[in-house]
């Protein structure tokens, strides 16, 4: 597998191309740093963009949802989709509104959906999605029943093409604006884990599992 994703008219970063990244490891690292994506598709001439959780397994993105979902039906029929993921790293506070920006890491994935129908394969895909959201959780909970599996559509979207776009660093003001007397710089932002909130019906004797303690430690603000 080539480490460099082929640059084509479909995945080429056109606006600020110097921010474009086509290194597969960097693209996959961004995908693996989130669990929420937006799936774009066109149905009957109408564009839709739907947020959903996901997991990555090798060179494919895995999604699941209700069998009645319009998006899942579209993907299950082998139609095209554009999947995007964005991580916000900070507010770039420039001396002018024009140059104010955001530091971010984003990925755009192009591919066609393929429904996973075999129950064992569906279960494996759901495990991969769950592990991407909260590692260790799947082994600690009741697995899906046959009826629940039947009511859930699971699709894989092979990554046919992709690119990342990344902005880092301080503001890039016009030279004459650097003398203006206002604060400028970057306000870092990140998603952090808060304190656990117990289900009111959880038995008091049930302890917090180690994998949740590890998740909180890793994502503590």
N, C-alpha and C. Protein backbone atom coordinates (compact mmCIF):
# COMPACT_ATOMS: atom_id res chain seq x y z
N UNK A 1 0.85 -1.19 0.00
CA UNK A 1 0.00 0.00 0.00
C UNK A 1 0.88 1.24 0.00
N UNK A 2 0.68 2.10 -0.96
CA UNK A 2 1.48 3.31 -1.06
C UNK A 2 1.17 4.24 0.10
N UNK A 3 2.21 4.85 0.66
CA UNK A 3 1.99 5.75 1.78
C UNK A 3 1.44 7.09 1.32
N UNK A 4 1.67 7.44 0.08
CA UNK A 4 1.19 8.70 -0.47
C UNK A 4 -0.10 8.45 -1.25
N UNK A 5 -1.16 9.15 -0.88
CA UNK A 5 -2.42 9.04 -1.59
C UNK A 5 -2.31 9.78 -2.91
N UNK A 6 -2.74 9.13 -3.98
CA UNK A 6 -2.66 9.75 -5.31
C UNK A 6 -3.48 11.05 -5.34
N UNK A 7 -2.88 12.10 -5.88
CA UNK A 7 -3.56 13.38 -6.01
C UNK A 7 -4.30 13.41 -7.34
N UNK A 8 -5.59 13.62 -7.28
CA UNK A 8 -6.42 13.68 -8.48
C UNK A 8 -7.29 14.94 -8.41
N UNK A 9 -8.06 15.18 -9.45
CA UNK A 9 -8.98 16.31 -9.44
C UNK A 9 -10.02 16.18 -8.33
N UNK A 10 -10.29 14.95 -7.92
CA UNK A 10 -11.31 14.74 -6.89
C UNK A 10 -10.82 15.13 -5.50
N UNK A 11 -9.59 14.82 -5.16
CA UNK A 11 -9.14 15.04 -3.78
C UNK A 11 -8.14 16.19 -3.65
N UNK A 12 -7.80 16.84 -4.73
CA UNK A 12 -6.82 17.91 -4.67
C UNK A 12 -7.34 19.10 -3.84
N UNK A 13 -6.52 19.59 -2.91
CA UNK A 13 -6.86 20.78 -2.14
C UNK A 13 -6.60 22.00 -3.02
N UNK A 14 -7.62 22.75 -3.32
CA UNK A 14 -7.51 23.86 -4.27
C UNK A 14 -7.32 25.22 -3.57
N UNK A 15 -8.07 25.44 -2.51
CA UNK A 15 -7.93 26.69 -1.76
C UNK A 15 -6.81 26.53 -0.75
N UNK A 16 -5.78 27.37 -0.80
CA UNK A 16 -4.60 27.27 0.04
C UNK A 16 -3.98 25.87 -0.07
N UNK A 17 -3.55 25.50 -1.27
CA UNK A 17 -3.04 24.14 -1.51
C UNK A 17 -1.84 23.78 -0.65
N UNK A 18 -1.12 24.78 -0.12
CA UNK A 18 0.04 24.47 0.73
C UNK A 18 -0.39 23.79 2.03
N UNK A 19 -1.66 23.88 2.36
CA UNK A 19 -2.16 23.20 3.56
C UNK A 19 -2.59 21.76 3.27
N UNK A 20 -2.59 21.36 2.03
CA UNK A 20 -3.01 20.01 1.67
C UNK A 20 -2.01 18.96 2.10
N UNK A 21 -2.51 17.85 2.60
CA UNK A 21 -1.68 16.72 3.05
C UNK A 21 -2.25 15.45 2.41
N UNK A 22 -1.36 14.68 1.80
CA UNK A 22 -1.78 13.45 1.13
C UNK A 22 -1.05 12.23 1.68
N UNK A 23 -0.36 12.43 2.78
CA UNK A 23 0.33 11.32 3.43
C UNK A 23 -0.71 10.44 4.14
N UNK A 24 -0.74 9.17 3.79
CA UNK A 24 -1.78 8.28 4.30
C UNK A 24 -1.76 8.19 5.83
N UNK A 25 -0.57 8.14 6.42
CA UNK A 25 -0.48 8.02 7.87
C UNK A 25 -1.08 9.24 8.56
N UNK A 26 -0.83 10.42 8.02
CA UNK A 26 -1.40 11.63 8.62
C UNK A 26 -2.91 11.68 8.44
N UNK A 27 -3.38 11.28 7.26
CA UNK A 27 -4.82 11.25 7.01
C UNK A 27 -5.50 10.29 7.97
N UNK A 28 -4.94 9.09 8.12
CA UNK A 28 -5.55 8.09 9.01
C UNK A 28 -5.44 8.51 10.47
N UNK A 29 -4.37 9.19 10.85
CA UNK A 29 -4.21 9.65 12.22
C UNK A 29 -5.32 10.64 12.59
N UNK A 30 -5.69 11.51 11.65
CA UNK A 30 -6.79 12.44 11.91
C UNK A 30 -8.11 11.67 12.03
N UNK A 31 -8.34 10.72 11.14
CA UNK A 31 -9.56 9.92 11.23
C UNK A 31 -9.64 9.19 12.57
N UNK A 32 -8.51 8.71 13.05
CA UNK A 32 -8.50 7.94 14.29
C UNK A 32 -8.59 8.82 15.54
N UNK A 33 -8.50 10.13 15.36
CA UNK A 33 -8.56 11.05 16.50
C UNK A 33 -9.97 11.54 16.77
N UNK A 34 -10.93 11.08 16.01
CA UNK A 34 -12.31 11.51 16.20
C UNK A 34 -13.24 10.31 16.08
N UNK A 35 -14.50 10.53 16.43
CA UNK A 35 -15.51 9.48 16.24
C UNK A 35 -16.78 10.05 15.63
N UNK A 36 -16.76 11.35 15.29
CA UNK A 36 -17.92 11.99 14.66
C UNK A 36 -17.53 12.49 13.28
N UNK A 37 -18.26 12.04 12.28
CA UNK A 37 -18.03 12.50 10.92
C UNK A 37 -19.32 13.06 10.36
N UNK A 38 -19.22 13.70 9.20
CA UNK A 38 -20.39 14.15 8.45
C UNK A 38 -20.37 13.45 7.08
N UNK A 39 -21.46 12.82 6.75
CA UNK A 39 -21.57 12.08 5.50
C UNK A 39 -22.41 12.89 4.52
N UNK A 40 -21.80 13.24 3.40
CA UNK A 40 -22.50 13.99 2.36
C UNK A 40 -22.88 13.08 1.21
N UNK A 41 -24.10 13.24 0.72
CA UNK A 41 -24.56 12.43 -0.41
C UNK A 41 -25.70 13.16 -1.11
N UNK A 42 -26.00 12.75 -2.32
CA UNK A 42 -27.09 13.34 -3.09
C UNK A 42 -28.12 12.27 -3.38
N UNK A 43 -29.36 12.59 -3.06
CA UNK A 43 -30.45 11.64 -3.30
C UNK A 43 -31.60 12.39 -3.99
N UNK A 44 -31.98 11.90 -5.15
CA UNK A 44 -33.05 12.53 -5.93
C UNK A 44 -32.77 14.01 -6.17
N UNK A 45 -31.50 14.33 -6.42
CA UNK A 45 -31.12 15.69 -6.73
C UNK A 45 -30.96 16.60 -5.53
N UNK A 46 -31.24 16.10 -4.32
CA UNK A 46 -31.16 16.90 -3.10
C UNK A 46 -29.91 16.53 -2.31
N UNK A 47 -29.02 17.49 -2.03
CA UNK A 47 -27.85 17.19 -1.20
C UNK A 47 -28.25 17.05 0.28
N UNK A 48 -27.60 16.11 0.96
CA UNK A 48 -27.78 15.92 2.39
C UNK A 48 -26.40 15.79 3.03
N UNK A 49 -26.24 16.31 4.23
CA UNK A 49 -25.03 16.12 5.03
C UNK A 49 -25.49 15.71 6.43
N UNK A 50 -25.15 14.49 6.82
CA UNK A 50 -25.67 13.91 8.06
C UNK A 50 -24.52 13.59 9.01
N UNK A 51 -24.57 14.05 10.26
CA UNK A 51 -23.55 13.67 11.23
C UNK A 51 -23.80 12.26 11.76
N UNK A 52 -22.74 11.52 11.97
CA UNK A 52 -22.87 10.18 12.52
C UNK A 52 -21.53 9.75 13.10
N UNK A 53 -21.55 8.75 13.96
CA UNK A 53 -20.29 8.23 14.47
C UNK A 53 -19.76 7.16 13.53
N UNK A 54 -18.49 6.84 13.69
CA UNK A 54 -17.84 5.95 12.72
C UNK A 54 -16.63 5.29 13.36
N UNK A 55 -16.05 4.38 12.63
CA UNK A 55 -14.76 3.79 12.98
C UNK A 55 -13.98 3.57 11.70
N UNK A 56 -12.67 3.50 11.82
CA UNK A 56 -11.84 3.16 10.66
C UNK A 56 -11.24 1.78 10.87
N UNK A 57 -11.29 0.98 9.84
CA UNK A 57 -10.65 -0.33 9.86
C UNK A 57 -9.84 -0.47 8.58
N UNK A 58 -8.52 -0.45 8.75
CA UNK A 58 -7.62 -0.50 7.59
C UNK A 58 -7.96 0.64 6.62
N UNK A 59 -8.32 0.30 5.39
CA UNK A 59 -8.57 1.33 4.38
C UNK A 59 -10.06 1.56 4.13
N UNK A 60 -10.86 1.49 5.20
CA UNK A 60 -12.28 1.72 5.03
C UNK A 60 -12.85 2.41 6.27
N UNK A 61 -13.91 3.17 6.03
CA UNK A 61 -14.66 3.82 7.10
C UNK A 61 -15.92 3.01 7.34
N UNK A 62 -16.24 2.76 8.59
CA UNK A 62 -17.41 1.97 8.96
C UNK A 62 -18.46 2.86 9.60
N UNK A 63 -19.71 2.72 9.17
CA UNK A 63 -20.82 3.48 9.73
C UNK A 63 -21.97 2.54 10.02
N UNK A 64 -22.81 2.92 10.97
CA UNK A 64 -24.00 2.12 11.24
C UNK A 64 -25.16 3.04 11.58
N UNK A 65 -26.36 2.50 11.46
CA UNK A 65 -27.54 3.29 11.78
C UNK A 65 -28.79 2.45 11.61
N UNK A 66 -29.92 3.05 11.85
CA UNK A 66 -31.20 2.36 11.71
C UNK A 66 -31.40 1.88 10.27
N UNK A 67 -32.01 0.71 10.15
CA UNK A 67 -32.31 0.20 8.82
C UNK A 67 -33.27 1.12 8.07
N UNK A 68 -33.97 1.98 8.79
CA UNK A 68 -34.90 2.92 8.15
C UNK A 68 -34.23 4.24 7.76
N UNK A 69 -32.95 4.40 8.10
CA UNK A 69 -32.25 5.66 7.83
C UNK A 69 -32.07 5.90 6.34
N UNK A 70 -32.39 7.10 5.89
CA UNK A 70 -32.21 7.45 4.49
C UNK A 70 -30.74 7.35 4.08
N UNK A 71 -29.86 7.84 4.96
CA UNK A 71 -28.43 7.80 4.65
C UNK A 71 -27.93 6.37 4.54
N UNK A 72 -28.34 5.51 5.48
CA UNK A 72 -27.86 4.14 5.46
C UNK A 72 -28.40 3.38 4.25
N UNK A 73 -29.63 3.66 3.88
CA UNK A 73 -30.18 3.03 2.67
C UNK A 73 -29.38 3.46 1.44
N UNK A 74 -29.04 4.74 1.39
CA UNK A 74 -28.26 5.26 0.26
C UNK A 74 -26.91 4.57 0.18
N UNK A 75 -26.21 4.50 1.31
CA UNK A 75 -24.88 3.87 1.31
C UNK A 75 -24.97 2.38 1.03
N UNK A 76 -25.99 1.72 1.58
CA UNK A 76 -26.12 0.27 1.41
C UNK A 76 -26.35 -0.12 -0.04
N UNK A 77 -26.84 0.81 -0.84
CA UNK A 77 -27.10 0.53 -2.25
C UNK A 77 -25.88 0.77 -3.13
N UNK A 78 -24.74 1.06 -2.51
CA UNK A 78 -23.51 1.21 -3.27
C UNK A 78 -23.30 2.59 -3.86
N UNK A 79 -24.01 3.57 -3.35
CA UNK A 79 -23.91 4.92 -3.89
C UNK A 79 -22.69 5.66 -3.35
N UNK A 80 -22.35 6.75 -4.01
CA UNK A 80 -21.18 7.55 -3.64
C UNK A 80 -21.47 8.39 -2.41
N UNK A 81 -20.39 8.64 -1.65
CA UNK A 81 -20.50 9.48 -0.46
C UNK A 81 -19.20 10.25 -0.28
N UNK A 82 -19.32 11.37 0.39
CA UNK A 82 -18.16 12.17 0.80
C UNK A 82 -18.22 12.29 2.31
N UNK A 83 -17.18 11.80 2.98
CA UNK A 83 -17.15 11.76 4.45
C UNK A 83 -16.10 12.75 4.93
N UNK A 84 -16.49 13.63 5.86
CA UNK A 84 -15.56 14.64 6.36
C UNK A 84 -15.43 14.54 7.88
N UNK A 85 -14.22 14.82 8.34
CA UNK A 85 -13.91 14.87 9.77
C UNK A 85 -13.09 16.12 10.02
N UNK A 86 -13.43 16.88 11.06
CA UNK A 86 -12.70 18.10 11.38
C UNK A 86 -12.37 18.14 12.86
N UNK A 87 -11.11 18.43 13.17
CA UNK A 87 -10.66 18.63 14.55
C UNK A 87 -10.26 20.10 14.69
N UNK A 88 -10.86 20.80 15.65
CA UNK A 88 -10.54 22.21 15.89
C UNK A 88 -9.47 22.28 16.97
N UNK A 89 -8.35 22.92 16.66
CA UNK A 89 -7.22 22.99 17.59
C UNK A 89 -7.06 24.37 18.23
N UNK A 90 -7.69 25.39 17.69
CA UNK A 90 -7.55 26.70 18.31
C UNK A 90 -8.15 27.81 17.49
N UNK A 91 -8.42 28.93 18.15
CA UNK A 91 -8.87 30.14 17.47
C UNK A 91 -7.65 30.99 17.14
N UNK A 92 -7.53 31.38 15.89
CA UNK A 92 -6.43 32.23 15.46
C UNK A 92 -6.93 33.67 15.47
N UNK A 93 -6.48 34.43 16.44
CA UNK A 93 -6.99 35.79 16.68
C UNK A 93 -6.02 36.79 16.06
N UNK A 94 -6.37 37.20 14.86
CA UNK A 94 -5.52 38.12 14.11
C UNK A 94 -5.88 39.56 14.45
N UNK A 95 -5.11 40.48 13.90
CA UNK A 95 -5.35 41.91 14.11
C UNK A 95 -6.42 42.46 13.18
N UNK A 96 -6.85 41.63 12.25
CA UNK A 96 -7.94 42.03 11.35
C UNK A 96 -8.92 40.87 11.24
N UNK A 97 -10.16 41.22 10.98
CA UNK A 97 -11.15 40.17 10.79
C UNK A 97 -10.84 39.29 9.60
N UNK A 98 -10.26 39.88 8.56
CA UNK A 98 -9.97 39.14 7.33
C UNK A 98 -8.99 38.00 7.59
N UNK A 99 -8.00 38.22 8.44
CA UNK A 99 -6.98 37.21 8.68
C UNK A 99 -7.24 36.36 9.92
N UNK A 100 -8.32 36.64 10.65
CA UNK A 100 -8.69 35.76 11.76
C UNK A 100 -9.09 34.41 11.21
N UNK A 101 -8.74 33.36 11.93
CA UNK A 101 -8.94 32.02 11.37
C UNK A 101 -9.08 31.00 12.49
N UNK A 102 -8.91 29.75 12.14
CA UNK A 102 -8.97 28.62 13.07
C UNK A 102 -7.82 27.68 12.73
N UNK A 103 -7.14 27.19 13.74
CA UNK A 103 -6.20 26.09 13.53
C UNK A 103 -6.99 24.79 13.56
N UNK A 104 -6.78 23.95 12.58
CA UNK A 104 -7.62 22.76 12.43
C UNK A 104 -6.86 21.66 11.71
N UNK A 105 -7.41 20.47 11.82
CA UNK A 105 -6.99 19.32 11.02
C UNK A 105 -8.26 18.70 10.45
N UNK A 106 -8.34 18.56 9.16
CA UNK A 106 -9.55 18.03 8.54
C UNK A 106 -9.19 16.98 7.49
N UNK A 107 -10.15 16.09 7.25
CA UNK A 107 -9.98 15.04 6.24
C UNK A 107 -11.26 14.95 5.42
N UNK A 108 -11.10 14.78 4.13
CA UNK A 108 -12.22 14.50 3.23
C UNK A 108 -11.96 13.14 2.58
N UNK A 109 -12.93 12.25 2.69
CA UNK A 109 -12.83 10.88 2.15
C UNK A 109 -13.89 10.70 1.08
N UNK A 110 -13.50 10.10 -0.03
CA UNK A 110 -14.44 9.77 -1.10
C UNK A 110 -14.53 8.25 -1.25
N UNK A 111 -15.74 7.75 -1.42
CA UNK A 111 -15.90 6.32 -1.61
C UNK A 111 -17.35 5.95 -1.88
N UNK A 112 -17.58 4.68 -2.07
CA UNK A 112 -18.92 4.14 -2.30
C UNK A 112 -19.24 3.15 -1.18
N UNK A 113 -20.49 3.18 -0.71
CA UNK A 113 -20.90 2.32 0.38
C UNK A 113 -21.09 0.87 -0.04
N UNK A 114 -20.85 -0.04 0.90
CA UNK A 114 -21.10 -1.47 0.72
C UNK A 114 -21.73 -2.00 2.00
N UNK A 115 -22.92 -2.54 1.89
CA UNK A 115 -23.59 -3.05 3.08
C UNK A 115 -22.92 -4.34 3.57
N UNK A 116 -22.80 -4.46 4.88
CA UNK A 116 -22.31 -5.67 5.51
C UNK A 116 -23.53 -6.43 6.02
N UNK A 117 -23.77 -7.61 5.47
CA UNK A 117 -24.98 -8.35 5.81
C UNK A 117 -24.73 -9.57 6.68
N UNK A 118 -23.54 -10.16 6.58
CA UNK A 118 -23.26 -11.34 7.40
C UNK A 118 -23.27 -10.94 8.88
N UNK A 119 -24.03 -11.64 9.72
CA UNK A 119 -24.14 -11.25 11.14
C UNK A 119 -22.81 -11.17 11.87
N UNK A 120 -21.91 -12.11 11.60
CA UNK A 120 -20.61 -12.09 12.28
C UNK A 120 -19.79 -10.89 11.82
N UNK A 121 -19.84 -10.59 10.52
CA UNK A 121 -19.10 -9.43 10.01
C UNK A 121 -19.72 -8.12 10.52
N UNK A 122 -21.04 -8.09 10.63
CA UNK A 122 -21.69 -6.90 11.19
C UNK A 122 -21.24 -6.69 12.63
N UNK A 123 -21.20 -7.75 13.38
CA UNK A 123 -20.79 -7.66 14.77
C UNK A 123 -19.35 -7.16 14.89
N UNK A 124 -18.48 -7.65 14.01
CA UNK A 124 -17.08 -7.21 14.01
C UNK A 124 -16.98 -5.72 13.67
N UNK A 125 -17.78 -5.27 12.72
CA UNK A 125 -17.76 -3.85 12.34
C UNK A 125 -18.28 -2.98 13.47
N UNK A 126 -19.34 -3.42 14.14
CA UNK A 126 -19.87 -2.67 15.27
C UNK A 126 -18.85 -2.60 16.40
N UNK A 127 -18.11 -3.67 16.57
CA UNK A 127 -17.03 -3.67 17.57
C UNK A 127 -15.99 -2.61 17.22
N UNK A 128 -15.61 -2.53 15.95
CA UNK A 128 -14.61 -1.54 15.53
C UNK A 128 -15.11 -0.12 15.76
N UNK A 129 -16.39 0.13 15.48
CA UNK A 129 -16.95 1.46 15.71
C UNK A 129 -16.96 1.78 17.20
N UNK A 130 -17.39 0.82 18.01
CA UNK A 130 -17.44 1.03 19.46
C UNK A 130 -16.06 1.29 20.03
N UNK A 131 -15.06 0.54 19.56
CA UNK A 131 -13.70 0.72 20.06
C UNK A 131 -13.14 2.09 19.68
N UNK A 132 -13.58 2.62 18.55
CA UNK A 132 -13.13 3.95 18.16
C UNK A 132 -13.73 5.02 19.06
N UNK A 133 -14.95 4.78 19.55
CA UNK A 133 -15.62 5.76 20.40
C UNK A 133 -15.13 5.66 21.84
N UNK A 134 -15.12 4.45 22.38
CA UNK A 134 -14.72 4.25 23.78
C UNK A 134 -14.03 2.90 23.91
N UNK A 135 -12.71 2.87 23.76
CA UNK A 135 -11.98 1.59 23.79
C UNK A 135 -12.26 0.81 25.07
N UNK A 136 -12.57 -0.47 24.90
CA UNK A 136 -12.83 -1.35 26.03
C UNK A 136 -14.29 -1.52 26.36
N UNK A 137 -15.14 -0.64 25.85
CA UNK A 137 -16.55 -0.67 26.24
C UNK A 137 -17.29 -1.89 25.70
N UNK A 138 -16.96 -2.28 24.46
CA UNK A 138 -17.72 -3.35 23.81
C UNK A 138 -17.68 -4.65 24.61
N UNK A 139 -16.53 -4.95 25.21
CA UNK A 139 -16.39 -6.21 25.96
C UNK A 139 -17.10 -6.15 27.30
N UNK A 140 -17.52 -4.95 27.70
CA UNK A 140 -18.13 -4.76 29.01
C UNK A 140 -19.64 -4.72 28.97
N UNK A 141 -20.23 -4.72 27.78
CA UNK A 141 -21.67 -4.54 27.65
C UNK A 141 -22.31 -5.73 26.93
N UNK A 142 -23.63 -5.78 27.00
CA UNK A 142 -24.35 -6.82 26.27
C UNK A 142 -24.24 -6.56 24.78
N UNK A 143 -23.92 -7.61 24.04
CA UNK A 143 -23.84 -7.48 22.60
C UNK A 143 -25.22 -7.40 21.96
N UNK A 144 -25.28 -7.02 20.69
CA UNK A 144 -26.57 -6.89 20.02
C UNK A 144 -27.26 -8.24 19.86
N UNK A 145 -28.57 -8.24 20.06
CA UNK A 145 -29.37 -9.44 19.84
C UNK A 145 -29.59 -9.63 18.34
N UNK A 146 -30.02 -10.82 17.91
CA UNK A 146 -30.32 -11.02 16.49
C UNK A 146 -31.33 -10.00 15.95
N UNK A 147 -32.32 -9.66 16.76
CA UNK A 147 -33.32 -8.70 16.33
C UNK A 147 -32.71 -7.31 16.19
N UNK A 148 -31.81 -6.95 17.12
CA UNK A 148 -31.15 -5.64 17.04
C UNK A 148 -30.23 -5.56 15.84
N UNK A 149 -29.52 -6.66 15.56
CA UNK A 149 -28.67 -6.69 14.37
C UNK A 149 -29.50 -6.53 13.11
N UNK A 150 -30.65 -7.17 13.09
CA UNK A 150 -31.53 -7.09 11.92
C UNK A 150 -32.00 -5.66 11.69
N UNK A 151 -32.24 -4.92 12.77
CA UNK A 151 -32.73 -3.56 12.65
C UNK A 151 -31.64 -2.52 12.45
N UNK A 152 -30.39 -2.99 12.38
CA UNK A 152 -29.26 -2.08 12.22
C UNK A 152 -28.59 -2.33 10.87
N UNK A 153 -28.40 -1.27 10.11
CA UNK A 153 -27.64 -1.36 8.86
C UNK A 153 -26.20 -0.95 9.14
N UNK A 154 -25.28 -1.76 8.67
CA UNK A 154 -23.85 -1.47 8.83
C UNK A 154 -23.23 -1.42 7.44
N UNK A 155 -22.48 -0.38 7.16
CA UNK A 155 -21.85 -0.25 5.85
C UNK A 155 -20.36 0.04 6.03
N UNK A 156 -19.63 -0.37 5.04
CA UNK A 156 -18.22 0.00 4.95
C UNK A 156 -18.04 0.86 3.71
N UNK A 157 -17.22 1.87 3.82
CA UNK A 157 -16.93 2.76 2.70
C UNK A 157 -15.43 2.70 2.44
N UNK A 158 -15.00 1.88 1.47
CA UNK A 158 -13.57 1.84 1.15
C UNK A 158 -13.07 3.23 0.78
N UNK A 159 -11.90 3.58 1.29
CA UNK A 159 -11.34 4.90 1.02
C UNK A 159 -10.71 4.89 -0.37
N UNK A 160 -11.51 5.31 -1.35
CA UNK A 160 -11.03 5.34 -2.73
C UNK A 160 -10.05 6.49 -2.94
N UNK A 161 -10.31 7.60 -2.26
CA UNK A 161 -9.48 8.78 -2.38
C UNK A 161 -9.69 9.62 -1.13
N UNK A 162 -8.68 10.40 -0.77
CA UNK A 162 -8.80 11.23 0.43
C UNK A 162 -7.70 12.29 0.43
N UNK A 163 -7.91 13.30 1.24
CA UNK A 163 -6.86 14.30 1.48
C UNK A 163 -7.14 14.94 2.82
N UNK A 164 -6.09 15.50 3.41
CA UNK A 164 -6.22 16.25 4.64
C UNK A 164 -5.88 17.70 4.36
N UNK A 165 -6.36 18.57 5.23
CA UNK A 165 -6.02 19.98 5.17
C UNK A 165 -5.76 20.44 6.60
N UNK A 166 -4.62 21.08 6.80
CA UNK A 166 -4.18 21.41 8.16
C UNK A 166 -3.72 22.86 8.21
N UNK A 167 -4.18 23.57 9.26
CA UNK A 167 -3.63 24.90 9.53
C UNK A 167 -3.05 24.91 10.93
N UNK A 168 -1.85 25.41 11.08
CA UNK A 168 -1.19 25.55 12.36
C UNK A 168 -0.55 26.92 12.45
N UNK A 169 -0.14 27.29 13.66
CA UNK A 169 0.66 28.49 13.82
C UNK A 169 -0.11 29.75 14.12
N UNK A 170 0.61 30.87 14.23
CA UNK A 170 0.03 32.15 14.62
C UNK A 170 -0.70 32.83 13.48
N UNK A 171 -1.30 34.00 13.78
CA UNK A 171 -1.96 34.76 12.71
C UNK A 171 -0.95 35.19 11.64
N UNK A 172 -1.45 35.41 10.45
CA UNK A 172 -0.63 35.93 9.36
C UNK A 172 -1.25 37.24 8.89
N UNK A 173 -0.91 38.28 9.62
CA UNK A 173 -1.49 39.59 9.35
C UNK A 173 -0.76 40.29 8.21
N UNK A 174 -1.41 41.33 7.68
CA UNK A 174 -0.73 42.22 6.75
C UNK A 174 0.39 42.93 7.51
N UNK A 175 1.50 43.16 6.84
CA UNK A 175 2.68 43.70 7.51
C UNK A 175 2.38 45.00 8.26
N UNK A 176 1.58 45.87 7.66
CA UNK A 176 1.30 47.16 8.31
C UNK A 176 0.43 47.02 9.54
N UNK A 177 -0.25 45.86 9.70
CA UNK A 177 -1.14 45.68 10.85
C UNK A 177 -0.40 45.20 12.10
N UNK A 178 0.84 44.73 11.97
CA UNK A 178 1.56 44.22 13.14
C UNK A 178 1.80 45.31 14.18
N UNK A 179 1.75 46.56 13.79
CA UNK A 179 1.96 47.66 14.74
C UNK A 179 0.68 48.06 15.47
N UNK A 180 -0.46 47.50 15.10
CA UNK A 180 -1.72 47.85 15.76
C UNK A 180 -1.71 47.38 17.21
N UNK A 181 -2.26 48.19 18.11
CA UNK A 181 -2.15 47.90 19.55
C UNK A 181 -3.28 47.02 20.08
N UNK A 182 -3.42 45.82 19.55
CA UNK A 182 -4.40 44.89 20.12
C UNK A 182 -3.76 43.51 20.22
N UNK A 183 -4.31 42.72 21.16
CA UNK A 183 -3.75 41.39 21.39
C UNK A 183 -3.99 40.51 20.17
N UNK A 184 -3.00 39.71 19.84
CA UNK A 184 -3.14 38.76 18.73
C UNK A 184 -2.41 37.48 19.10
N UNK A 185 -2.89 36.36 18.61
CA UNK A 185 -2.26 35.08 18.92
C UNK A 185 -3.24 33.95 18.71
N UNK A 186 -3.03 32.87 19.44
CA UNK A 186 -3.86 31.67 19.29
C UNK A 186 -4.45 31.28 20.64
N UNK A 187 -5.74 31.00 20.65
CA UNK A 187 -6.41 30.44 21.82
C UNK A 187 -6.60 28.94 21.58
N UNK A 188 -5.77 28.08 22.19
CA UNK A 188 -5.90 26.64 21.96
C UNK A 188 -7.25 26.11 22.45
N UNK A 189 -7.80 25.18 21.72
CA UNK A 189 -9.05 24.53 22.08
C UNK A 189 -8.88 23.02 21.94
N UNK A 190 -9.55 22.28 22.82
CA UNK A 190 -9.55 20.83 22.68
C UNK A 190 -10.76 20.26 23.42
N UNK A 191 -11.15 19.05 23.03
CA UNK A 191 -12.24 18.35 23.71
C UNK A 191 -11.67 17.61 24.91
N UNK A 192 -12.31 17.81 26.06
CA UNK A 192 -11.80 17.19 27.29
C UNK A 192 -12.89 16.36 27.97
N UNK A 193 -12.48 15.31 28.64
CA UNK A 193 -13.41 14.48 29.40
C UNK A 193 -13.73 15.15 30.73
N UNK A 194 -15.00 15.17 31.10
CA UNK A 194 -15.41 15.73 32.38
C UNK A 194 -15.59 14.63 33.42
N UNK A 195 -16.28 14.98 34.49
CA UNK A 195 -16.55 14.00 35.54
C UNK A 195 -17.67 13.06 35.10
N UNK A 196 -17.53 11.80 35.46
CA UNK A 196 -18.57 10.82 35.14
C UNK A 196 -19.86 11.15 35.89
N UNK A 197 -20.99 10.93 35.22
CA UNK A 197 -22.30 11.11 35.82
C UNK A 197 -22.98 9.75 35.86
N UNK A 198 -23.18 9.21 37.04
CA UNK A 198 -23.74 7.88 37.17
C UNK A 198 -25.22 7.86 36.79
N UNK A 199 -25.62 6.78 36.13
CA UNK A 199 -27.03 6.55 35.87
C UNK A 199 -27.74 6.46 37.22
N UNK A 200 -28.86 7.16 37.42
CA UNK A 200 -29.56 7.08 38.71
C UNK A 200 -29.97 5.65 39.09
N UNK A 201 -30.12 4.78 38.10
CA UNK A 201 -30.53 3.41 38.40
C UNK A 201 -29.35 2.45 38.46
N UNK A 202 -28.13 2.97 38.39
CA UNK A 202 -26.96 2.12 38.51
C UNK A 202 -26.77 1.69 39.96
N UNK A 203 -26.56 0.40 40.17
CA UNK A 203 -26.35 -0.11 41.53
C UNK A 203 -25.10 0.54 42.12
N UNK A 204 -25.16 1.01 43.36
CA UNK A 204 -24.02 1.71 43.98
C UNK A 204 -22.75 0.87 44.02
N UNK A 205 -22.89 -0.45 44.05
CA UNK A 205 -21.71 -1.30 44.18
C UNK A 205 -20.93 -1.47 42.88
N UNK A 206 -21.51 -1.03 41.75
CA UNK A 206 -20.83 -1.21 40.46
C UNK A 206 -19.71 -0.17 40.34
N UNK A 207 -18.45 -0.63 40.20
CA UNK A 207 -17.33 0.32 40.15
C UNK A 207 -17.15 0.90 38.76
N UNK A 208 -16.41 1.98 38.70
CA UNK A 208 -16.03 2.56 37.42
C UNK A 208 -14.97 1.65 36.80
N UNK A 209 -15.19 1.16 35.57
CA UNK A 209 -14.22 0.24 34.96
C UNK A 209 -12.90 0.92 34.63
N UNK A 210 -11.85 0.13 34.58
CA UNK A 210 -10.51 0.67 34.34
C UNK A 210 -10.43 1.40 33.01
N UNK A 211 -11.11 0.88 31.96
CA UNK A 211 -10.99 1.52 30.65
C UNK A 211 -11.56 2.93 30.65
N UNK A 212 -12.58 3.18 31.49
CA UNK A 212 -13.13 4.53 31.59
C UNK A 212 -12.17 5.45 32.35
N UNK A 213 -11.54 4.90 33.39
CA UNK A 213 -10.54 5.69 34.11
C UNK A 213 -9.40 6.08 33.17
N UNK A 214 -8.98 5.13 32.33
CA UNK A 214 -7.91 5.41 31.37
C UNK A 214 -8.36 6.43 30.33
N UNK A 215 -9.60 6.33 29.87
CA UNK A 215 -10.13 7.30 28.90
C UNK A 215 -10.12 8.69 29.49
N UNK A 216 -10.58 8.82 30.73
CA UNK A 216 -10.64 10.13 31.39
C UNK A 216 -9.23 10.69 31.55
N UNK A 217 -8.29 9.85 31.98
CA UNK A 217 -6.91 10.32 32.16
C UNK A 217 -6.32 10.81 30.85
N UNK A 218 -6.62 10.10 29.77
CA UNK A 218 -6.07 10.46 28.46
C UNK A 218 -6.67 11.74 27.94
N UNK A 219 -7.95 11.99 28.24
CA UNK A 219 -8.65 13.13 27.68
C UNK A 219 -8.97 14.20 28.73
N UNK A 220 -8.27 14.17 29.83
CA UNK A 220 -8.51 15.16 30.86
C UNK A 220 -8.10 16.54 30.38
N UNK A 221 -8.88 17.58 30.69
CA UNK A 221 -8.57 18.92 30.25
C UNK A 221 -7.37 19.51 30.97
